[in-house]
Amino acid sequence: MAPIRLGLVGVGKIARDQHFPSIAKTDGIELVAAASRSASVDGIENFTTLTEMLAGVELDAVALCTPPQVRHALAHAALAAGKHVLLEKPPGATVSELADLVSLAAQKRLTLFATWHSRFAAGVEPARRWLADRTVRAVRVEWKEDVRHWHPGQAWIWEPGGLGVFDPGINALSIVTRILPLPFFLTEGSLEFPENQQAPIAADLAFTDANGARIEAVFDWRQTGPQTWDIHVDTEDGRLTLSKGGSEMVVDGKPVMSEADSEYAGIYRRFVELVGEGRSDVDVAPLQHVADAFLLGARRIVEAFHDEPNGAA
């Protein structure tokens, strides 16, 4: 079977660091074009917009790596043009807009894949299997990183729809919604908004499930030095910990596995599989939890954030 001819929209840091190398090493898919207002990619067709790309080159699928605020319109256009669509996380700026895309993909008999790359970290599926038949008593999520290191100069993340600290925090939620045996829901939260920004820089959230488990999540974008991406799950059979974003799994202090694998290679393998089977995969649970946090979380104003520590804009 010929490889899926893929066009990618949004040639930024994440596309260059993760998408391009992952596509290159994934059987069954080939990057043939890119669309960007300010960048180009050697060795393939380059366009300024998705519209130009759809008109100028033969494609089977489109990957969208743009900010979430514009993703719905682009995905709708690609599906309407008969292309399978892969969405970077988060899959959109709102939960409800995804229903429109799911409906259109089904109508067109196309694949729509809302990716959650952290679910493809090496420890996630082993953790899910280990927890499947156990009773969860408590969960503690700590996801703390330095926004200036990971998102320098990216103003869109502070705008409405940009999610702020939930841009990384949703990665943790994508793992927790995958590994816990029961669904859970928010009971209270606190969101810290810099006085000069429209999105939060930190969040403290409390959830529970049908069994009354205590599930806590702390997200913070102000951590310098070593970064923290840990999930601790207490059960009647001991504590399971996923660290380093889900790549390492430990049970009661004993390493079960540690593996450095490409999460993005996993999403492209999954995309090829979904297209081959004629199916879609759109799980809105992580985004729904973020929406709930904005609905229920108390808003606190904290000191202004500037991209440069000295206060420069």
C-alpha atoms as a PDB file:
ATOM      1  CA  MET A   1       0.000   0.000   0.000  1.00  0.00           C
ATOM      2  CA  ALA A   2       1.287   3.472  -0.869  1.00  0.00           C
ATOM      3  CA  PRO A   3       2.196   5.656   2.116  1.00  0.00           C
ATOM      4  CA  ILE A   4      -0.203   8.313   3.353  1.00  0.00           C
ATOM      5  CA  ARG A   5       0.763  11.620   1.733  1.00  0.00           C
ATOM      6  CA  LEU A   6       0.779  14.116   4.586  1.00  0.00           C
ATOM      7  CA  GLY A   7       0.734  17.898   4.626  1.00  0.00           C
ATOM      8  CA  LEU A   8       1.583  19.667   7.914  1.00  0.00           C
ATOM      9  CA  VAL A   9       0.296  23.105   8.910  1.00  0.00           C
ATOM     10  CA  GLY A  10       2.258  25.128  11.458  1.00  0.00           C
ATOM     11  CA  VAL A  11       6.028  24.835  11.134  1.00  0.00           C
ATOM     12  CA  GLY A  12       7.135  25.744  14.649  1.00  0.00           C
ATOM     13  CA  LYS A  13       9.426  24.312  17.299  1.00  0.00           C
ATOM     14  CA  ILE A  14       7.215  21.325  18.124  1.00  0.00           C
ATOM     15  CA  ALA A  15       6.871  20.417  14.447  1.00  0.00           C
ATOM     16  CA  ARG A  16      10.614  20.514  13.878  1.00  0.00           C
ATOM     17  CA  ASP A  17      11.594  18.833  17.149  1.00  0.00           C
ATOM     18  CA  GLN A  18       8.925  16.128  17.270  1.00  0.00           C
ATOM     19  CA  HIS A  19       6.676  15.782  14.230  1.00  0.00           C
ATOM     20  CA  PHE A  20       9.225  15.808  11.414  1.00  0.00           C
ATOM     21  CA  PRO A  21      11.605  13.185  12.871  1.00  0.00           C
ATOM     22  CA  SER A  22       8.692  10.993  13.978  1.00  0.00           C
ATOM     23  CA  ILE A  23       7.052  11.075  10.556  1.00  0.00           C
ATOM     24  CA  ALA A  24      10.384  10.235   8.926  1.00  0.00           C
ATOM     25  CA  LYS A  25      10.762   7.014  10.930  1.00  0.00           C
ATOM     26  CA  THR A  26       7.141   5.857  10.716  1.00  0.00           C
ATOM     27  CA  ASP A  27       6.252   3.319   8.031  1.00  0.00           C
ATOM     28  CA  GLY A  28       3.158   4.057   5.983  1.00  0.00           C
ATOM     29  CA  ILE A  29       3.281   7.855   6.019  1.00  0.00           C
ATOM     30  CA  GLU A  30       5.315  10.465   4.156  1.00  0.00           C
ATOM     31  CA  LEU A  31       5.570  14.233   4.640  1.00  0.00           C
ATOM     32  CA  VAL A  32       5.126  15.826   1.218  1.00  0.00           C
ATOM     33  CA  ALA A  33       4.161  19.428   2.023  1.00  0.00           C
ATOM     34  CA  ALA A  34       4.051  22.081   4.733  1.00  0.00           C
ATOM     35  CA  ALA A  35       2.160  25.335   5.197  1.00  0.00           C
ATOM     36  CA  SER A  36       3.466  28.211   7.288  1.00  0.00           C
ATOM     37  CA  ARG A  37       3.318  31.992   7.149  1.00  0.00           C
ATOM     38  CA  SER A  38       6.919  32.377   8.262  1.00  0.00           C
ATOM     39  CA  ALA A  39       8.885  29.139   7.739  1.00  0.00           C
ATOM     40  CA  SER A  40       9.675  26.499   5.138  1.00  0.00           C
ATOM     41  CA  VAL A  41      10.929  22.921   5.128  1.00  0.00           C
ATOM     42  CA  ASP A  42      13.689  21.653   2.846  1.00  0.00           C
ATOM     43  CA  GLY A  43      12.935  18.842   0.434  1.00  0.00           C
ATOM     44  CA  ILE A  44       9.138  19.162   0.272  1.00  0.00           C
ATOM     45  CA  GLU A  45       6.515  21.494  -1.205  1.00  0.00           C
ATOM     46  CA  ASN A  46       5.988  24.670   0.830  1.00  0.00           C
ATOM     47  CA  PHE A  47       2.933  26.912   0.986  1.00  0.00           C
ATOM     48  CA  THR A  48       1.796  29.918   3.001  1.00  0.00           C
ATOM     49  CA  THR A  49      -1.681  28.666   3.863  1.00  0.00           C
ATOM     50  CA  LEU A  50      -3.658  25.452   4.103  1.00  0.00           C
ATOM     51  CA  THR A  51      -5.868  26.637   1.240  1.00  0.00           C
ATOM     52  CA  GLU A  52      -2.838  26.997  -1.023  1.00  0.00           C
ATOM     53  CA  MET A  53      -1.501  23.619   0.075  1.00  0.00           C
ATOM     54  CA  LEU A  54      -4.773  21.813  -0.612  1.00  0.00           C
ATOM     55  CA  ALA A  55      -4.901  23.335  -4.085  1.00  0.00           C
ATOM     56  CA  GLY A  56      -1.241  22.879  -4.908  1.00  0.00           C
ATOM     57  CA  VAL A  57      -0.296  19.304  -4.019  1.00  0.00           C
ATOM     58  CA  GLU A  58      -1.881  15.846  -3.839  1.00  0.00           C
ATOM     59  CA  LEU A  59      -2.517  14.912  -0.195  1.00  0.00           C
ATOM     60  CA  ASP A  60      -4.256  12.159   1.721  1.00  0.00           C
ATOM     61  CA  ALA A  61      -4.044  13.748   5.178  1.00  0.00           C
ATOM     62  CA  VAL A  62      -3.278  16.934   7.065  1.00  0.00           C
ATOM     63  CA  ALA A  63      -1.585  17.356  10.464  1.00  0.00           C
ATOM     64  CA  LEU A  64      -2.426  20.569  12.310  1.00  0.00           C
ATOM     65  CA  CYS A  65       0.268  21.960  14.600  1.00  0.00           C
ATOM     66  CA  THR A  66      -1.115  25.481  14.907  1.00  0.00           C
ATOM     67  CA  PRO A  67      -2.277  27.220  18.096  1.00  0.00           C
ATOM     68  CA  PRO A  68      -5.636  25.761  19.181  1.00  0.00           C
ATOM     69  CA  GLN A  69      -7.590  28.968  18.594  1.00  0.00           C
ATOM     70  CA  VAL A  70      -7.498  28.503  14.806  1.00  0.00           C
ATOM     71  CA  ARG A  71      -7.545  24.732  14.614  1.00  0.00           C
ATOM     72  CA  HIS A  72     -11.259  24.142  14.125  1.00  0.00           C
ATOM     73  CA  ALA A  73     -11.508  26.188  10.918  1.00  0.00           C
ATOM     74  CA  LEU A  74      -8.437  24.484   9.469  1.00  0.00           C
ATOM     75  CA  ALA A  75      -9.613  20.990  10.409  1.00  0.00           C
ATOM     76  CA  HIS A  76     -13.049  21.670   8.958  1.00  0.00           C
ATOM     77  CA  ALA A  77     -11.509  22.862   5.690  1.00  0.00           C
ATOM     78  CA  ALA A  78      -9.245  19.817   5.447  1.00  0.00           C
ATOM     79  CA  LEU A  79     -12.076  17.371   6.144  1.00  0.00           C
ATOM     80  CA  ALA A  80     -14.343  19.168   3.675  1.00  0.00           C
ATOM     81  CA  ALA A  81     -11.586  18.720   1.084  1.00  0.00           C
ATOM     82  CA  GLY A  82     -11.580  14.961   1.706  1.00  0.00           C
ATOM     83  CA  LYS A  83      -8.424  14.709   3.842  1.00  0.00           C
ATOM     84  CA  HIS A  84      -7.850  12.707   7.011  1.00  0.00           C
ATOM     85  CA  VAL A  85      -6.892  15.002   9.905  1.00  0.00           C
ATOM     86  CA  LEU A  86      -4.459  14.689  12.815  1.00  0.00           C
ATOM     87  CA  LEU A  87      -4.832  17.308  15.566  1.00  0.00           C
ATOM     88  CA  GLU A  88      -2.003  18.307  17.895  1.00  0.00           C
ATOM     89  CA  LYS A  89      -3.035  18.621  21.492  1.00  0.00           C
ATOM     90  CA  PRO A  90      -5.210  20.236  22.673  1.00  0.00           C
ATOM     91  CA  PRO A  91      -7.530  19.286  19.815  1.00  0.00           C
ATOM     92  CA  GLY A  92      -9.330  22.622  19.891  1.00  0.00           C
ATOM     93  CA  ALA A  93     -10.064  25.793  21.787  1.00  0.00           C
ATOM     94  CA  THR A  94     -13.426  24.483  23.042  1.00  0.00           C
ATOM     95  CA  VAL A  95     -15.018  21.123  23.726  1.00  0.00           C
ATOM     96  CA  SER A  96     -18.153  21.707  21.654  1.00  0.00           C
ATOM     97  CA  GLU A  97     -16.314  22.551  18.425  1.00  0.00           C
ATOM     98  CA  LEU A  98     -14.961  19.004  18.305  1.00  0.00           C
ATOM     99  CA  ALA A  99     -18.458  17.574  17.917  1.00  0.00           C
ATOM    100  CA  ASP A 100     -18.741  19.398  14.609  1.00  0.00           C
ATOM    101  CA  LEU A 101     -15.480  17.878  13.376  1.00  0.00           C
ATOM    102  CA  VAL A 102     -16.428  14.377  14.530  1.00  0.00           C
ATOM    103  CA  SER A 103     -19.721  14.667  12.648  1.00  0.00           C
ATOM    104  CA  LEU A 104     -18.065  15.909   9.466  1.00  0.00           C
ATOM    105  CA  ALA A 105     -15.380  13.205   9.576  1.00  0.00           C
ATOM    106  CA  ALA A 106     -18.065  10.534   9.939  1.00  0.00           C
ATOM    107  CA  GLN A 107     -20.095  12.039   7.115  1.00  0.00           C
ATOM    108  CA  LYS A 108     -17.034  12.078   4.844  1.00  0.00           C
ATOM    109  CA  ARG A 109     -15.855   8.639   6.053  1.00  0.00           C
ATOM    110  CA  LEU A 110     -12.504  10.116   7.033  1.00  0.00           C
ATOM    111  CA  THR A 111     -10.203   9.627  10.013  1.00  0.00           C
ATOM    112  CA  LEU A 112     -10.061  12.341  12.676  1.00  0.00           C
ATOM    113  CA  PHE A 113      -7.387  11.758  15.322  1.00  0.00           C
ATOM    114  CA  ALA A 114      -7.204  13.999  18.391  1.00  0.00           C
ATOM    115  CA  THR A 115      -3.727  13.183  19.647  1.00  0.00           C
ATOM    116  CA  TRP A 116      -2.581  13.093  23.257  1.00  0.00           C
ATOM    117  CA  HIS A 117       1.130  12.500  22.876  1.00  0.00           C
ATOM    118  CA  SER A 118       1.788  11.891  26.581  1.00  0.00           C
ATOM    119  CA  ARG A 119      -0.425   8.795  26.442  1.00  0.00           C
ATOM    120  CA  PHE A 120       2.280   7.242  24.262  1.00  0.00           C
ATOM    121  CA  ALA A 121       4.964   7.607  26.934  1.00  0.00           C
ATOM    122  CA  ALA A 122       6.483   4.230  27.731  1.00  0.00           C
ATOM    123  CA  GLY A 123       5.003   3.809  31.213  1.00  0.00           C
ATOM    124  CA  VAL A 124       1.412   4.768  30.503  1.00  0.00           C
ATOM    125  CA  GLU A 125      -0.004   1.482  29.200  1.00  0.00           C
ATOM    126  CA  PRO A 126       1.856  -0.655  31.795  1.00  0.00           C
ATOM    127  CA  ALA A 127       0.458   1.664  34.483  1.00  0.00           C
ATOM    128  CA  ARG A 128      -3.059   1.327  33.092  1.00  0.00           C
ATOM    129  CA  ARG A 129      -2.784  -2.460  33.160  1.00  0.00           C
ATOM    130  CA  TRP A 130      -1.366  -2.479  36.701  1.00  0.00           C
ATOM    131  CA  LEU A 131      -4.191  -0.275  37.982  1.00  0.00           C
ATOM    132  CA  ALA A 132      -7.016  -1.961  36.056  1.00  0.00           C
ATOM    133  CA  ASP A 133      -8.032  -4.385  38.845  1.00  0.00           C
ATOM    134  CA  ARG A 134      -6.970  -2.292  41.838  1.00  0.00           C
ATOM    135  CA  THR A 135      -8.840   0.201  43.996  1.00  0.00           C
ATOM    136  CA  VAL A 136      -7.389   3.689  43.779  1.00  0.00           C
ATOM    137  CA  ARG A 137      -7.328   5.495  47.101  1.00  0.00           C
ATOM    138  CA  ALA A 138      -5.511   8.709  46.229  1.00  0.00           C
ATOM    139  CA  VAL A 139      -3.739  10.388  43.324  1.00  0.00           C
ATOM    140  CA  ARG A 140      -1.243  13.240  43.416  1.00  0.00           C
ATOM    141  CA  VAL A 141      -0.197  14.944  40.171  1.00  0.00           C
ATOM    142  CA  GLU A 142       2.689  17.431  40.137  1.00  0.00           C
ATOM    143  CA  TRP A 143       3.360  19.019  36.748  1.00  0.00           C
ATOM    144  CA  LYS A 144       5.711  21.967  37.150  1.00  0.00           C
ATOM    145  CA  GLU A 145       7.927  23.517  34.520  1.00  0.00           C
ATOM    146  CA  ASP A 146       9.526  26.751  33.320  1.00  0.00           C
ATOM    147  CA  VAL A 147       7.365  28.464  30.698  1.00  0.00           C
ATOM    148  CA  ARG A 148      10.250  30.698  29.647  1.00  0.00           C
ATOM    149  CA  HIS A 149      12.257  27.621  28.675  1.00  0.00           C
ATOM    150  CA  TRP A 150       9.527  25.678  26.877  1.00  0.00           C
ATOM    151  CA  HIS A 151       7.489  28.488  25.298  1.00  0.00           C
ATOM    152  CA  PRO A 152       9.753  31.502  24.757  1.00  0.00           C
ATOM    153  CA  GLY A 153       8.012  34.350  22.973  1.00  0.00           C
ATOM    154  CA  GLN A 154       4.799  32.408  22.355  1.00  0.00           C
ATOM    155  CA  ALA A 155       2.193  35.050  23.120  1.00  0.00           C
ATOM    156  CA  TRP A 156      -0.731  32.882  21.939  1.00  0.00           C
ATOM    157  CA  ILE A 157      -0.548  30.671  25.033  1.00  0.00           C
ATOM    158  CA  TRP A 158      -1.557  33.634  27.209  1.00  0.00           C
ATOM    159  CA  GLU A 159      -4.570  34.574  25.076  1.00  0.00           C
ATOM    160  CA  PRO A 160      -8.108  33.185  25.512  1.00  0.00           C
ATOM    161  CA  GLY A 161      -8.069  29.632  24.182  1.00  0.00           C
ATOM    162  CA  GLY A 162      -4.318  29.311  24.659  1.00  0.00           C
ATOM    163  CA  LEU A 163      -4.836  27.455  27.980  1.00  0.00           C
ATOM    164  CA  GLY A 164      -1.852  28.930  29.845  1.00  0.00           C
ATOM    165  CA  VAL A 165      -0.487  26.397  32.338  1.00  0.00           C
ATOM    166  CA  PHE A 166      -3.054  23.895  31.096  1.00  0.00           C
ATOM    167  CA  ASP A 167      -1.057  23.593  27.864  1.00  0.00           C
ATOM    168  CA  PRO A 168       1.352  21.279  29.743  1.00  0.00           C
ATOM    169  CA  GLY A 169      -1.184  20.398  32.435  1.00  0.00           C
ATOM    170  CA  ILE A 170      -3.485  18.788  29.900  1.00  0.00           C
ATOM    171  CA  ASN A 171      -0.680  16.311  29.201  1.00  0.00           C
ATOM    172  CA  ALA A 172      -0.948  15.119  32.796  1.00  0.00           C
ATOM    173  CA  LEU A 173      -4.732  14.955  32.524  1.00  0.00           C
ATOM    174  CA  SER A 174      -4.430  12.915  29.328  1.00  0.00           C
ATOM    175  CA  ILE A 175      -2.369  10.339  31.233  1.00  0.00           C
ATOM    176  CA  VAL A 176      -4.579  10.249  34.325  1.00  0.00           C
ATOM    177  CA  THR A 177      -7.754   9.851  32.277  1.00  0.00           C
ATOM    178  CA  ARG A 178      -6.079   6.937  30.510  1.00  0.00           C
ATOM    179  CA  ILE A 179      -4.659   5.020  33.476  1.00  0.00           C
ATOM    180  CA  LEU A 180      -7.304   5.360  36.206  1.00  0.00           C
ATOM    181  CA  PRO A 181      -9.915   2.593  36.200  1.00  0.00           C
ATOM    182  CA  LEU A 182     -12.818   4.945  37.024  1.00  0.00           C
ATOM    183  CA  PRO A 183     -13.819   8.307  35.553  1.00  0.00           C
ATOM    184  CA  PHE A 184     -13.409  11.282  37.880  1.00  0.00           C
ATOM    185  CA  PHE A 185     -14.731  14.810  38.183  1.00  0.00           C
ATOM    186  CA  LEU A 186     -13.649  18.176  39.570  1.00  0.00           C
ATOM    187  CA  THR A 187     -14.859  19.260  43.006  1.00  0.00           C
ATOM    188  CA  GLU A 188     -12.897  22.485  43.498  1.00  0.00           C
ATOM    189  CA  GLY A 189      -9.987  24.415  42.097  1.00  0.00           C
ATOM    190  CA  SER A 190      -7.904  27.570  42.234  1.00  0.00           C
ATOM    191  CA  LEU A 191      -6.429  29.242  39.145  1.00  0.00           C
ATOM    192  CA  GLU A 192      -3.721  31.914  39.345  1.00  0.00           C
ATOM    193  CA  PHE A 193      -3.819  34.518  36.576  1.00  0.00           C
ATOM    194  CA  PRO A 194      -0.972  37.004  36.094  1.00  0.00           C
ATOM    195  CA  GLU A 195      -2.448  40.481  36.261  1.00  0.00           C
ATOM    196  CA  ASN A 196      -1.380  41.158  32.657  1.00  0.00           C
ATOM    197  CA  GLN A 197      -2.456  37.861  31.056  1.00  0.00           C
ATOM    198  CA  GLN A 198      -5.691  36.137  30.012  1.00  0.00           C
ATOM    199  CA  ALA A 199      -4.653  32.583  30.920  1.00  0.00           C
ATOM    200  CA  PRO A 200      -3.496  31.024  34.213  1.00  0.00           C
ATOM    201  CA  ILE A 201       0.128  30.479  35.195  1.00  0.00           C
ATOM    202  CA  ALA A 202      -0.720  27.963  37.962  1.00  0.00           C
ATOM    203  CA  ALA A 203      -3.600  25.780  39.101  1.00  0.00           C
ATOM    204  CA  ASP A 204      -4.514  23.632  42.115  1.00  0.00           C
ATOM    205  CA  LEU A 205      -7.307  21.156  41.399  1.00  0.00           C
ATOM    206  CA  ALA A 206      -9.208  18.586  43.456  1.00  0.00           C
ATOM    207  CA  PHE A 207     -11.162  15.723  41.884  1.00  0.00           C
ATOM    208  CA  THR A 208     -12.919  12.596  43.072  1.00  0.00           C
ATOM    209  CA  ASP A 209     -14.428   9.447  41.562  1.00  0.00           C
ATOM    210  CA  ALA A 210     -17.429   7.250  42.333  1.00  0.00           C
ATOM    211  CA  ASN A 211     -15.480   5.535  45.142  1.00  0.00           C
ATOM    212  CA  GLY A 212     -14.503   8.826  46.764  1.00  0.00           C
ATOM    213  CA  ALA A 213     -10.809   8.674  45.879  1.00  0.00           C
ATOM    214  CA  ARG A 214      -8.903  11.887  46.526  1.00  0.00           C
ATOM    215  CA  ILE A 215      -7.313  13.102  43.280  1.00  0.00           C
ATOM    216  CA  GLU A 216      -5.184  16.246  43.394  1.00  0.00           C
ATOM    217  CA  ALA A 217      -3.319  18.053  40.631  1.00  0.00           C
ATOM    218  CA  VAL A 218      -0.871  20.922  40.949  1.00  0.00           C
ATOM    219  CA  PHE A 219       0.236  22.699  37.791  1.00  0.00           C
ATOM    220  CA  ASP A 220       2.779  25.519  37.842  1.00  0.00           C
ATOM    221  CA  TRP A 221       4.635  27.303  35.063  1.00  0.00           C
ATOM    222  CA  ARG A 222       7.112  29.123  37.306  1.00  0.00           C
ATOM    223  CA  GLN A 223       9.455  26.279  38.231  1.00  0.00           C
ATOM    224  CA  THR A 224      13.109  26.780  37.409  1.00  0.00           C
ATOM    225  CA  GLY A 225      15.906  24.224  37.620  1.00  0.00           C
ATOM    226  CA  PRO A 226      14.838  20.550  37.390  1.00  0.00           C
ATOM    227  CA  GLN A 227      11.350  20.145  35.951  1.00  0.00           C
ATOM    228  CA  THR A 228       8.654  17.998  37.574  1.00  0.00           C
ATOM    229  CA  TRP A 229       6.265  15.730  35.658  1.00  0.00           C
ATOM    230  CA  ASP A 230       5.122  13.139  38.236  1.00  0.00           C
ATOM    231  CA  ILE A 231       1.937  11.182  38.931  1.00  0.00           C
ATOM    232  CA  HIS A 232       1.575   9.176  42.187  1.00  0.00           C
ATOM    233  CA  VAL A 233      -1.277   6.685  42.597  1.00  0.00           C
ATOM    234  CA  ASP A 234      -1.916   5.035  45.969  1.00  0.00           C
ATOM    235  CA  THR A 235      -3.755   1.689  45.988  1.00  0.00           C
ATOM    236  CA  GLU A 236      -4.356  -1.142  48.460  1.00  0.00           C
ATOM    237  CA  ASP A 237      -1.367  -2.877  46.873  1.00  0.00           C
ATOM    238  CA  GLY A 238       1.055   0.025  47.142  1.00  0.00           C
ATOM    239  CA  ARG A 239       2.046   3.195  45.321  1.00  0.00           C
ATOM    240  CA  LEU A 240       2.573   3.460  41.592  1.00  0.00           C
ATOM    241  CA  THR A 241       4.566   6.438  40.324  1.00  0.00           C
ATOM    242  CA  LEU A 242       4.930   7.642  36.776  1.00  0.00           C
ATOM    243  CA  SER A 243       7.761  10.149  36.453  1.00  0.00           C
ATOM    244  CA  LYS A 244       9.476  12.119  33.710  1.00  0.00           C
ATOM    245  CA  GLY A 245       6.178  12.640  31.946  1.00  0.00           C
ATOM    246  CA  GLY A 246       5.213   8.977  32.026  1.00  0.00           C
ATOM    247  CA  SER A 247       8.434   7.492  30.683  1.00  0.00           C
ATOM    248  CA  GLU A 248       9.433   5.865  34.001  1.00  0.00           C
ATOM    249  CA  MET A 249       7.239   3.617  36.155  1.00  0.00           C
ATOM    250  CA  VAL A 250       7.997   2.696  39.767  1.00  0.00           C
ATOM    251  CA  VAL A 251       5.946   0.571  42.178  1.00  0.00           C
ATOM    252  CA  ASP A 252       6.705   0.985  45.898  1.00  0.00           C
ATOM    253  CA  GLY A 253      10.097   2.458  45.108  1.00  0.00           C
ATOM    254  CA  LYS A 254      11.136  -0.357  42.781  1.00  0.00           C
ATOM    255  CA  PRO A 255      11.653   0.543  39.114  1.00  0.00           C
ATOM    256  CA  VAL A 256       9.380  -1.474  36.870  1.00  0.00           C
ATOM    257  CA  MET A 257      10.507   0.123  33.659  1.00  0.00           C
ATOM    258  CA  SER A 258      12.397   3.080  32.268  1.00  0.00           C
ATOM    259  CA  GLU A 259      12.405   3.729  28.579  1.00  0.00           C
ATOM    260  CA  ALA A 260      13.060   6.739  26.395  1.00  0.00           C
ATOM    261  CA  ASP A 261      10.754   6.347  23.424  1.00  0.00           C
ATOM    262  CA  SER A 262       9.329   8.911  21.029  1.00  0.00           C
ATOM    263  CA  GLU A 263       5.771   9.764  22.031  1.00  0.00           C
ATOM    264  CA  TYR A 264       5.224  11.375  18.649  1.00  0.00           C
ATOM    265  CA  ALA A 265       6.328   8.258  16.793  1.00  0.00           C
ATOM    266  CA  GLY A 266       3.512   6.582  18.712  1.00  0.00           C
ATOM    267  CA  ILE A 267       0.905   9.048  17.541  1.00  0.00           C
ATOM    268  CA  TYR A 268       1.922   8.640  13.908  1.00  0.00           C
ATOM    269  CA  ARG A 269       1.885   4.847  14.150  1.00  0.00           C
ATOM    270  CA  ARG A 270      -1.602   5.160  15.597  1.00  0.00           C
ATOM    271  CA  PHE A 271      -2.668   7.549  12.830  1.00  0.00           C
ATOM    272  CA  VAL A 272      -1.519   5.153  10.116  1.00  0.00           C
ATOM    273  CA  GLU A 273      -3.430   2.372  11.886  1.00  0.00           C
ATOM    274  CA  LEU A 274      -6.627   4.439  12.167  1.00  0.00           C
ATOM    275  CA  VAL A 275      -6.548   5.497   8.513  1.00  0.00           C
ATOM    276  CA  GLY A 276      -5.989   1.891   7.461  1.00  0.00           C
ATOM    277  CA  GLU A 277      -8.957   0.741   9.534  1.00  0.00           C
ATOM    278  CA  GLY A 278     -11.209   3.626   8.527  1.00  0.00           C
ATOM    279  CA  ARG A 279     -11.732   4.788  12.118  1.00  0.00           C
ATOM    280  CA  SER A 280     -11.449   7.973  14.165  1.00  0.00           C
ATOM    281  CA  ASP A 281     -10.144   8.496  17.699  1.00  0.00           C
ATOM    282  CA  VAL A 282     -11.346  11.641  19.464  1.00  0.00           C
ATOM    283  CA  ASP A 283     -11.269  11.569  23.271  1.00  0.00           C
ATOM    284  CA  VAL A 284     -12.332  14.915  24.743  1.00  0.00           C
ATOM    285  CA  ALA A 285     -11.943  13.908  28.416  1.00  0.00           C
ATOM    286  CA  PRO A 286      -8.679  15.812  29.074  1.00  0.00           C
ATOM    287  CA  LEU A 287     -10.057  18.986  27.469  1.00  0.00           C
ATOM    288  CA  GLN A 288     -13.337  18.567  29.351  1.00  0.00           C
ATOM    289  CA  HIS A 289     -11.443  18.589  32.652  1.00  0.00           C
ATOM    290  CA  VAL A 290      -9.700  21.813  31.641  1.00  0.00           C
ATOM    291  CA  ALA A 291     -13.049  23.363  30.734  1.00  0.00           C
ATOM    292  CA  ASP A 292     -14.402  22.280  34.126  1.00  0.00           C
ATOM    293  CA  ALA A 293     -11.429  23.938  35.825  1.00  0.00           C
ATOM    294  CA  PHE A 294     -12.255  27.241  34.152  1.00  0.00           C
ATOM    295  CA  LEU A 295     -15.924  26.804  35.135  1.00  0.00           C
ATOM    296  CA  LEU A 296     -15.438  25.847  38.782  1.00  0.00           C
ATOM    297  CA  GLY A 297     -12.008  27.153  39.697  1.00  0.00           C
ATOM    298  CA  ALA A 298     -11.679  30.262  41.838  1.00  0.00           C
ATOM    299  CA  ARG A 299      -9.708  32.993  40.078  1.00  0.00           C
ATOM    300  CA  ARG A 300      -6.744  34.606  41.862  1.00  0.00           C
ATOM    301  CA  ILE A 301      -4.741  37.501  40.424  1.00  0.00           C
ATOM    302  CA  VAL A 302      -0.979  37.258  40.916  1.00  0.00           C
ATOM    303  CA  GLU A 303       1.992  39.325  39.825  1.00  0.00           C
ATOM    304  CA  ALA A 304       2.436  40.138  36.153  1.00  0.00           C
ATOM    305  CA  PHE A 305       4.283  37.723  33.908  1.00  0.00           C
ATOM    306  CA  HIS A 306       6.779  38.895  31.301  1.00  0.00           C
ATOM    307  CA  ASP A 307       8.643  36.670  28.900  1.00  0.00           C
ATOM    308  CA  GLU A 308      11.898  38.153  30.177  1.00  0.00           C
ATOM    309  CA  PRO A 309      12.483  37.935  33.955  1.00  0.00           C
ATOM    310  CA  ASN A 310      13.580  41.578  34.087  1.00  0.00           C
ATOM    311  CA  GLY A 311      10.095  42.670  33.125  1.00  0.00           C
ATOM    312  CA  ALA A 312      10.553  43.206  29.402  1.00  0.00           C
ATOM    313  CA  ALA A 313       7.502  42.421  27.312  1.00  0.00           C
END
